C-alpha atoms as a PDB file:
ATOM      1  CA  MET A   1      44.280  50.663 -25.496  1.00  0.00           C
ATOM      2  CA  THR A   2      44.367  48.408 -28.362  1.00  0.00           C
ATOM      3  CA  ASP A   3      44.221  49.219 -31.920  1.00  0.00           C
ATOM      4  CA  LEU A   4      40.847  47.185 -33.035  1.00  0.00           C
ATOM      5  CA  GLN A   5      42.633  46.196 -36.594  1.00  0.00           C
ATOM      6  CA  SER A   6      45.795  45.221 -35.615  1.00  0.00           C
ATOM      7  CA  GLY A   7      45.360  44.192 -31.960  1.00  0.00           C
ATOM      8  CA  LEU A   8      48.536  46.184 -31.135  1.00  0.00           C
ATOM      9  CA  ARG A   9      48.450  48.692 -28.147  1.00  0.00           C
ATOM     10  CA  ALA A  10      49.001  52.244 -29.152  1.00  0.00           C
ATOM     11  CA  VAL A  11      52.196  53.539 -27.904  1.00  0.00           C
ATOM     12  CA  HIS A  12      52.797  57.161 -26.752  1.00  0.00           C
ATOM     13  CA  PRO A  13      56.809  58.198 -28.157  1.00  0.00           C
ATOM     14  CA  GLY A  14      57.272  59.292 -24.478  1.00  0.00           C
ATOM     15  CA  GLU A  15      57.003  55.572 -23.456  1.00  0.00           C
ATOM     16  CA  ILE A  16      59.548  54.782 -26.386  1.00  0.00           C
ATOM     17  CA  LEU A  17      61.957  57.595 -24.874  1.00  0.00           C
ATOM     18  CA  ARG A  18      61.490  56.626 -21.362  1.00  0.00           C
ATOM     19  CA  GLU A  19      61.904  52.918 -21.669  1.00  0.00           C
ATOM     20  CA  ASP A  20      64.342  52.617 -24.629  1.00  0.00           C
ATOM     21  CA  VAL A  21      66.054  55.626 -25.918  1.00  0.00           C
ATOM     22  CA  LEU A  22      66.920  57.463 -22.785  1.00  0.00           C
ATOM     23  CA  PRO A  23      68.423  54.210 -21.011  1.00  0.00           C
ATOM     24  CA  ALA A  24      70.419  53.652 -24.211  1.00  0.00           C
ATOM     25  CA  LEU A  25      71.806  57.146 -23.941  1.00  0.00           C
ATOM     26  CA  GLY A  26      72.968  56.447 -20.435  1.00  0.00           C
ATOM     27  CA  ARG A  27      72.864  60.435 -19.565  1.00  0.00           C
ATOM     28  CA  PRO A  28      70.655  61.785 -16.738  1.00  0.00           C
ATOM     29  CA  LYS A  29      67.425  63.469 -17.873  1.00  0.00           C
ATOM     30  CA  THR A  30      68.251  66.909 -16.469  1.00  0.00           C
ATOM     31  CA  GLU A  31      70.985  66.739 -19.052  1.00  0.00           C
ATOM     32  CA  ILE A  32      68.556  65.631 -21.796  1.00  0.00           C
ATOM     33  CA  ALA A  33      66.076  68.402 -21.153  1.00  0.00           C
ATOM     34  CA  SER A  34      69.136  70.946 -21.147  1.00  0.00           C
ATOM     35  CA  LEU A  35      70.810  69.617 -24.241  1.00  0.00           C
ATOM     36  CA  LEU A  36      67.245  69.529 -25.769  1.00  0.00           C
ATOM     37  CA  GLY A  37      66.885  73.174 -24.894  1.00  0.00           C
ATOM     38  CA  ILE A  38      63.720  72.363 -22.861  1.00  0.00           C
ATOM     39  CA  SER A  39      62.529  72.614 -19.176  1.00  0.00           C
ATOM     40  CA  ARG A  40      62.813  69.337 -17.126  1.00  0.00           C
ATOM     41  CA  GLN A  41      59.165  69.648 -16.617  1.00  0.00           C
ATOM     42  CA  SER A  42      58.570  69.708 -20.375  1.00  0.00           C
ATOM     43  CA  LEU A  43      60.758  66.469 -20.514  1.00  0.00           C
ATOM     44  CA  TYR A  44      59.062  64.746 -17.829  1.00  0.00           C
ATOM     45  CA  ASP A  45      55.572  65.783 -19.096  1.00  0.00           C
ATOM     46  CA  ILE A  46      56.394  63.945 -22.369  1.00  0.00           C
ATOM     47  CA  LEU A  47      58.167  60.905 -20.730  1.00  0.00           C
ATOM     48  CA  ASN A  48      54.889  60.451 -18.319  1.00  0.00           C
ATOM     49  CA  GLU A  49      52.625  60.768 -21.476  1.00  0.00           C
ATOM     50  CA  LYS A  50      51.126  64.014 -20.488  1.00  0.00           C
ATOM     51  CA  GLN A  51      52.234  65.881 -23.388  1.00  0.00           C
ATOM     52  CA  PRO A  52      52.281  64.855 -27.306  1.00  0.00           C
ATOM     53  CA  VAL A  53      55.532  65.147 -29.126  1.00  0.00           C
ATOM     54  CA  THR A  54      55.000  68.390 -31.048  1.00  0.00           C
ATOM     55  CA  ALA A  55      56.734  69.142 -34.469  1.00  0.00           C
ATOM     56  CA  GLN A  56      59.149  71.435 -32.761  1.00  0.00           C
ATOM     57  CA  MET A  57      59.807  68.725 -30.179  1.00  0.00           C
ATOM     58  CA  ALA A  58      60.254  66.142 -32.831  1.00  0.00           C
ATOM     59  CA  LEU A  59      62.947  68.284 -34.695  1.00  0.00           C
ATOM     60  CA  ARG A  60      64.503  68.598 -31.055  1.00  0.00           C
ATOM     61  CA  ILE A  61      64.263  64.792 -30.151  1.00  0.00           C
ATOM     62  CA  GLY A  62      65.365  63.805 -33.969  1.00  0.00           C
ATOM     63  CA  LYS A  63      68.600  65.937 -34.042  1.00  0.00           C
ATOM     64  CA  LEU A  64      69.328  64.509 -30.312  1.00  0.00           C
ATOM     65  CA  CYS A  65      69.055  60.672 -31.438  1.00  0.00           C
ATOM     66  CA  GLY A  66      70.335  61.237 -34.868  1.00  0.00           C
ATOM     67  CA  ASN A  67      67.006  59.749 -36.578  1.00  0.00           C
ATOM     68  CA  GLY A  68      64.989  62.666 -37.841  1.00  0.00           C
ATOM     69  CA  PRO A  69      61.757  64.359 -36.734  1.00  0.00           C
ATOM     70  CA  GLU A  70      59.750  62.024 -39.161  1.00  0.00           C
ATOM     71  CA  ILE A  71      59.664  59.020 -36.891  1.00  0.00           C
ATOM     72  CA  TRP A  72      58.570  61.046 -33.897  1.00  0.00           C
ATOM     73  CA  LEU A  73      55.735  62.812 -35.506  1.00  0.00           C
ATOM     74  CA  ARG A  74      54.590  59.330 -36.961  1.00  0.00           C
ATOM     75  CA  LEU A  75      54.503  57.760 -33.620  1.00  0.00           C
ATOM     76  CA  GLN A  76      52.649  60.609 -32.216  1.00  0.00           C
ATOM     77  CA  ASP A  77      50.212  60.315 -34.813  1.00  0.00           C
ATOM     78  CA  THR A  78      49.764  56.820 -34.898  1.00  0.00           C
ATOM     79  CA  TYR A  79      49.164  57.104 -30.927  1.00  0.00           C
ATOM     80  CA  ASP A  80      46.539  59.878 -31.695  1.00  0.00           C
ATOM     81  CA  LEU A  81      44.665  58.038 -34.325  1.00  0.00           C
ATOM     82  CA  ARG A  82      44.604  54.454 -32.327  1.00  0.00           C
ATOM     83  CA  LYS A  83      43.559  56.562 -29.167  1.00  0.00           C
ATOM     84  CA  ALA A  84      40.678  58.384 -31.155  1.00  0.00           C
ATOM     85  CA  HIS A  85      39.567  55.223 -32.928  1.00  0.00           C
ATOM     86  CA  SER A  86      39.178  53.530 -29.440  1.00  0.00           C
ATOM     87  CA  ASP A  87      37.362  56.318 -27.576  1.00  0.00           C
ATOM     88  CA  LEU A  88      35.308  57.043 -30.661  1.00  0.00           C
ATOM     89  CA  ALA A  89      34.460  53.421 -31.773  1.00  0.00           C
ATOM     90  CA  ALA A  90      30.955  53.200 -31.124  1.00  0.00           C
ATOM     91  CA  GLU A  91      30.110  56.888 -32.450  1.00  0.00           C
ATOM     92  CA  ILE A  92      32.210  55.995 -35.556  1.00  0.00           C
ATOM     93  CA  ALA A  93      30.388  52.864 -36.228  1.00  0.00           C
ATOM     94  CA  ALA A  94      27.064  54.547 -36.047  1.00  0.00           C
ATOM     95  CA  ILE A  95      28.027  56.909 -38.954  1.00  0.00           C
ATOM     96  CA  PRO A  96      26.907  55.621 -42.251  1.00  0.00           C
ATOM     97  CA  THR A  97      29.330  55.250 -45.211  1.00  0.00           C
ATOM     98  CA  LEU A  98      27.889  56.912 -48.210  1.00  0.00           C
ATOM     99  CA  ASN A  99      28.877  56.131 -52.006  1.00  0.00           C
ATOM    100  CA  ALA A 100      28.765  58.504 -54.814  1.00  0.00           C
ATOM    101  CA  ALA A 101      25.902  57.958 -57.404  1.00  0.00           C
END
């Protein structure tokens, strides 16, 4: 899925965790899940892009990585918005823009 305005592909935060962050940390996924205080399945669901990064999860990941929760929430919000834009493009295009008189 690409963003029509920027041409960039929407990236789920789980992909960033899976491809960049966890390999850099060099720890097994089971240990990461334990350190986050979540089940292995919950971590795998995020890594496999089956679940979003919630505010609670962003707090956990942000603390573990030392970069705060905001970046993880922004990544998820951007992904969700781009996905919705792509999924609803035809419907949104059919909605007129009204201007105040």
